[in-house]
């Protein structure tokens, strides 16, 4: 498992856009990413039950090539786009550093 960085920094808009696309696709929503703002709470847009959260997280892991740490799988993280994107950016950075160290 990748270690967490102590300060993930701000989330990138590109990551937030990708998350919105994954959100729409994985939950088969009849919505477009342009209908969202980065401040929208994802669970307010659609009702996120435990199955929907699992499907969304699995799709995020596949899209970004990361694994969510079990202790981070909280609705507070999954529902809020900027912190979720910052966490994903952090995980992607950790993975990239590990690959560089192995090379």
C-alpha atoms as a PDB file:
ATOM      1  CA  UNK A   1       0.000   0.000   0.000  1.00  0.00           C
ATOM      2  CA  UNK A   2       1.312   3.461  -0.881  1.00  0.00           C
ATOM      3  CA  UNK A   3       2.199   5.752   2.003  1.00  0.00           C
ATOM      4  CA  UNK A   4       0.201   8.948   2.423  1.00  0.00           C
ATOM      5  CA  UNK A   5       1.825  12.273   1.774  1.00  0.00           C
ATOM      6  CA  UNK A   6       1.549  14.640   4.701  1.00  0.00           C
ATOM      7  CA  UNK A   7       0.292  17.605   2.654  1.00  0.00           C
ATOM      8  CA  UNK A   8      -1.590  16.637  -0.502  1.00  0.00           C
ATOM      9  CA  UNK A   9      -2.036  20.248  -1.670  1.00  0.00           C
ATOM     10  CA  UNK A  10      -4.927  21.542  -3.729  1.00  0.00           C
ATOM     11  CA  UNK A  11      -6.855  19.278  -6.046  1.00  0.00           C
ATOM     12  CA  UNK A  12      -6.261  19.636  -9.754  1.00  0.00           C
ATOM     13  CA  UNK A  13      -9.226  20.643 -11.936  1.00  0.00           C
ATOM     14  CA  UNK A  14      -8.293  17.840 -14.346  1.00  0.00           C
ATOM     15  CA  UNK A  15      -8.665  15.279 -11.575  1.00  0.00           C
ATOM     16  CA  UNK A  16     -12.001  16.736 -10.512  1.00  0.00           C
ATOM     17  CA  UNK A  17     -13.242  16.582 -14.116  1.00  0.00           C
ATOM     18  CA  UNK A  18     -12.172  12.932 -14.386  1.00  0.00           C
ATOM     19  CA  UNK A  19     -13.882  12.112 -11.082  1.00  0.00           C
ATOM     20  CA  UNK A  20     -17.127  13.682 -12.296  1.00  0.00           C
ATOM     21  CA  UNK A  21     -16.946  11.631 -15.503  1.00  0.00           C
ATOM     22  CA  UNK A  22     -16.328   8.438 -13.500  1.00  0.00           C
ATOM     23  CA  UNK A  23     -19.167   9.371 -11.132  1.00  0.00           C
ATOM     24  CA  UNK A  24     -21.612   9.781 -14.014  1.00  0.00           C
ATOM     25  CA  UNK A  25     -20.431   6.691 -15.900  1.00  0.00           C
ATOM     26  CA  UNK A  26     -20.109   4.286 -12.953  1.00  0.00           C
ATOM     27  CA  UNK A  27     -23.554   5.126 -11.588  1.00  0.00           C
ATOM     28  CA  UNK A  28     -25.162   5.291 -15.055  1.00  0.00           C
ATOM     29  CA  UNK A  29     -26.536   8.770 -14.437  1.00  0.00           C
ATOM     30  CA  UNK A  30     -28.446  10.658 -17.065  1.00  0.00           C
ATOM     31  CA  UNK A  31     -26.442  13.810 -16.373  1.00  0.00           C
ATOM     32  CA  UNK A  32     -23.544  15.679 -17.932  1.00  0.00           C
ATOM     33  CA  UNK A  33     -20.422  16.835 -16.131  1.00  0.00           C
ATOM     34  CA  UNK A  34     -21.212  20.428 -17.133  1.00  0.00           C
ATOM     35  CA  UNK A  35     -24.265  20.270 -14.857  1.00  0.00           C
ATOM     36  CA  UNK A  36     -22.013  20.000 -11.780  1.00  0.00           C
ATOM     37  CA  UNK A  37     -19.928  22.507  -9.918  1.00  0.00           C
ATOM     38  CA  UNK A  38     -16.850  21.521  -7.961  1.00  0.00           C
ATOM     39  CA  UNK A  39     -18.670  22.548  -4.778  1.00  0.00           C
ATOM     40  CA  UNK A  40     -21.628  20.188  -5.292  1.00  0.00           C
ATOM     41  CA  UNK A  41     -21.905  17.362  -2.774  1.00  0.00           C
ATOM     42  CA  UNK A  42     -22.055  14.179  -4.821  1.00  0.00           C
ATOM     43  CA  UNK A  43     -24.437  12.496  -2.398  1.00  0.00           C
ATOM     44  CA  UNK A  44     -26.880  15.401  -2.778  1.00  0.00           C
ATOM     45  CA  UNK A  45     -26.933  15.002  -6.552  1.00  0.00           C
ATOM     46  CA  UNK A  46     -27.954  11.369  -6.287  1.00  0.00           C
ATOM     47  CA  UNK A  47     -28.660   9.178  -3.309  1.00  0.00           C
ATOM     48  CA  UNK A  48     -25.438   7.319  -2.603  1.00  0.00           C
ATOM     49  CA  UNK A  49     -26.161   4.032  -0.899  1.00  0.00           C
ATOM     50  CA  UNK A  50     -23.445   1.579   0.075  1.00  0.00           C
ATOM     51  CA  UNK A  51     -23.612  -0.261  -3.271  1.00  0.00           C
ATOM     52  CA  UNK A  52     -23.312   2.983  -5.232  1.00  0.00           C
ATOM     53  CA  UNK A  53     -20.322   4.051  -3.134  1.00  0.00           C
ATOM     54  CA  UNK A  54     -18.591   0.706  -3.752  1.00  0.00           C
ATOM     55  CA  UNK A  55     -19.218   0.935  -7.495  1.00  0.00           C
ATOM     56  CA  UNK A  56     -17.984   4.527  -7.583  1.00  0.00           C
ATOM     57  CA  UNK A  57     -14.840   3.792  -5.561  1.00  0.00           C
ATOM     58  CA  UNK A  58     -14.054   0.697  -7.667  1.00  0.00           C
ATOM     59  CA  UNK A  59     -14.412   2.779 -10.829  1.00  0.00           C
ATOM     60  CA  UNK A  60     -12.135   5.476  -9.370  1.00  0.00           C
ATOM     61  CA  UNK A  61      -9.508   2.878  -8.455  1.00  0.00           C
ATOM     62  CA  UNK A  62      -9.586   1.532 -11.994  1.00  0.00           C
ATOM     63  CA  UNK A  63      -9.522   4.977 -13.626  1.00  0.00           C
ATOM     64  CA  UNK A  64      -6.592   6.267 -11.585  1.00  0.00           C
ATOM     65  CA  UNK A  65      -4.723   2.990 -10.970  1.00  0.00           C
ATOM     66  CA  UNK A  66      -4.820   3.426  -7.198  1.00  0.00           C
ATOM     67  CA  UNK A  67      -6.203   1.672  -4.149  1.00  0.00           C
ATOM     68  CA  UNK A  68      -8.179   3.529  -1.515  1.00  0.00           C
ATOM     69  CA  UNK A  69      -6.980   2.926   2.000  1.00  0.00           C
ATOM     70  CA  UNK A  70      -9.830   1.274   3.938  1.00  0.00           C
ATOM     71  CA  UNK A  71      -9.706   3.889   6.696  1.00  0.00           C
ATOM     72  CA  UNK A  72     -10.272   6.609   4.077  1.00  0.00           C
ATOM     73  CA  UNK A  73     -13.494   5.083   2.750  1.00  0.00           C
ATOM     74  CA  UNK A  74     -15.876   7.459   4.455  1.00  0.00           C
ATOM     75  CA  UNK A  75     -18.875   9.190   2.940  1.00  0.00           C
ATOM     76  CA  UNK A  76     -17.314  12.530   3.931  1.00  0.00           C
ATOM     77  CA  UNK A  77     -14.418  11.873   1.523  1.00  0.00           C
ATOM     78  CA  UNK A  78     -16.443  10.338  -1.285  1.00  0.00           C
ATOM     79  CA  UNK A  79     -19.137  13.023  -1.287  1.00  0.00           C
ATOM     80  CA  UNK A  80     -16.884  16.087  -1.434  1.00  0.00           C
ATOM     81  CA  UNK A  81     -15.158  16.595  -4.776  1.00  0.00           C
ATOM     82  CA  UNK A  82     -12.147  18.817  -3.845  1.00  0.00           C
ATOM     83  CA  UNK A  83     -10.926  16.630  -0.922  1.00  0.00           C
ATOM     84  CA  UNK A  84     -11.583  13.481  -2.957  1.00  0.00           C
ATOM     85  CA  UNK A  85      -9.565  14.855  -5.868  1.00  0.00           C
ATOM     86  CA  UNK A  86      -6.746  15.933  -3.529  1.00  0.00           C
ATOM     87  CA  UNK A  87      -6.672  12.421  -2.018  1.00  0.00           C
ATOM     88  CA  UNK A  88      -6.575  10.834  -5.477  1.00  0.00           C
ATOM     89  CA  UNK A  89      -3.838  13.217  -6.636  1.00  0.00           C
ATOM     90  CA  UNK A  90      -1.890  12.255  -3.517  1.00  0.00           C
ATOM     91  CA  UNK A  91      -2.301   8.514  -4.165  1.00  0.00           C
ATOM     92  CA  UNK A  92      -1.281   8.916  -7.817  1.00  0.00           C
ATOM     93  CA  UNK A  93       1.815  10.886  -6.758  1.00  0.00           C
ATOM     94  CA  UNK A  94       2.773   8.214  -4.218  1.00  0.00           C
ATOM     95  CA  UNK A  95       2.402   5.522  -6.854  1.00  0.00           C
ATOM     96  CA  UNK A  96       4.553   7.484  -9.299  1.00  0.00           C
ATOM     97  CA  UNK A  97       7.269   7.946  -6.667  1.00  0.00           C
ATOM     98  CA  UNK A  98       7.285   4.217  -5.944  1.00  0.00           C
ATOM     99  CA  UNK A  99       7.643   3.415  -9.630  1.00  0.00           C
ATOM    100  CA  UNK A 100      10.572   5.846  -9.907  1.00  0.00           C
ATOM    101  CA  UNK A 101      12.245   4.292  -6.857  1.00  0.00           C
ATOM    102  CA  UNK A 102      11.923   0.812  -8.370  1.00  0.00           C
ATOM    103  CA  UNK A 103      13.463   1.893 -11.688  1.00  0.00           C
END
